[in-house]
């Protein structure tokens, strides 16, 4: 696809959980603050541990998400993202290193919003900050609930397996 024909839309930004609290005109302002980026297939877009910040909205292509096991050094394939997906949203909030590596599996075109531009946007209004951080809290609560459910299920499966082995 022709990179110049690709343009991010307000609807694409609305699909990012952390940006859903913003009105269309506010999202349009964010669109003006971002830049277009591209990545060739097999190139890293972000690397786990980097001190970079910013949100990427994938307009075209497929990326793989990889996480390093800190005990073994093994890189695990977590999943893939396709056009319309976003990554890097946590770096809009904090200055911590990237939590995963994202690699282009195909040629990719992305909209990028830097942490600095986003913080500048938030600084224009206390109301913007409040709505954004409320959205962050809802997202964190949702993730904790999902992790809690996954933990309970995995513990149940482990105990079930251990008890079967013990009974045998």
Foldseek 3Di string as FASTA:
>chain_A
DDLVVFADALVLQCLPLLRVLDDRVLSVVQSVQWDKDKDAAFAWPFAFQAQFAWKKQWQAAKKWKWAADPVPRDIDTPGMDGHSDMDRVVRLPDRGGDGIIIGTNHITMIIIGGSVSSVVSCVVDPVSVVSSVVSVVVVVVVVVVVVVVVVVVVVVVVVVVVVVVVVD
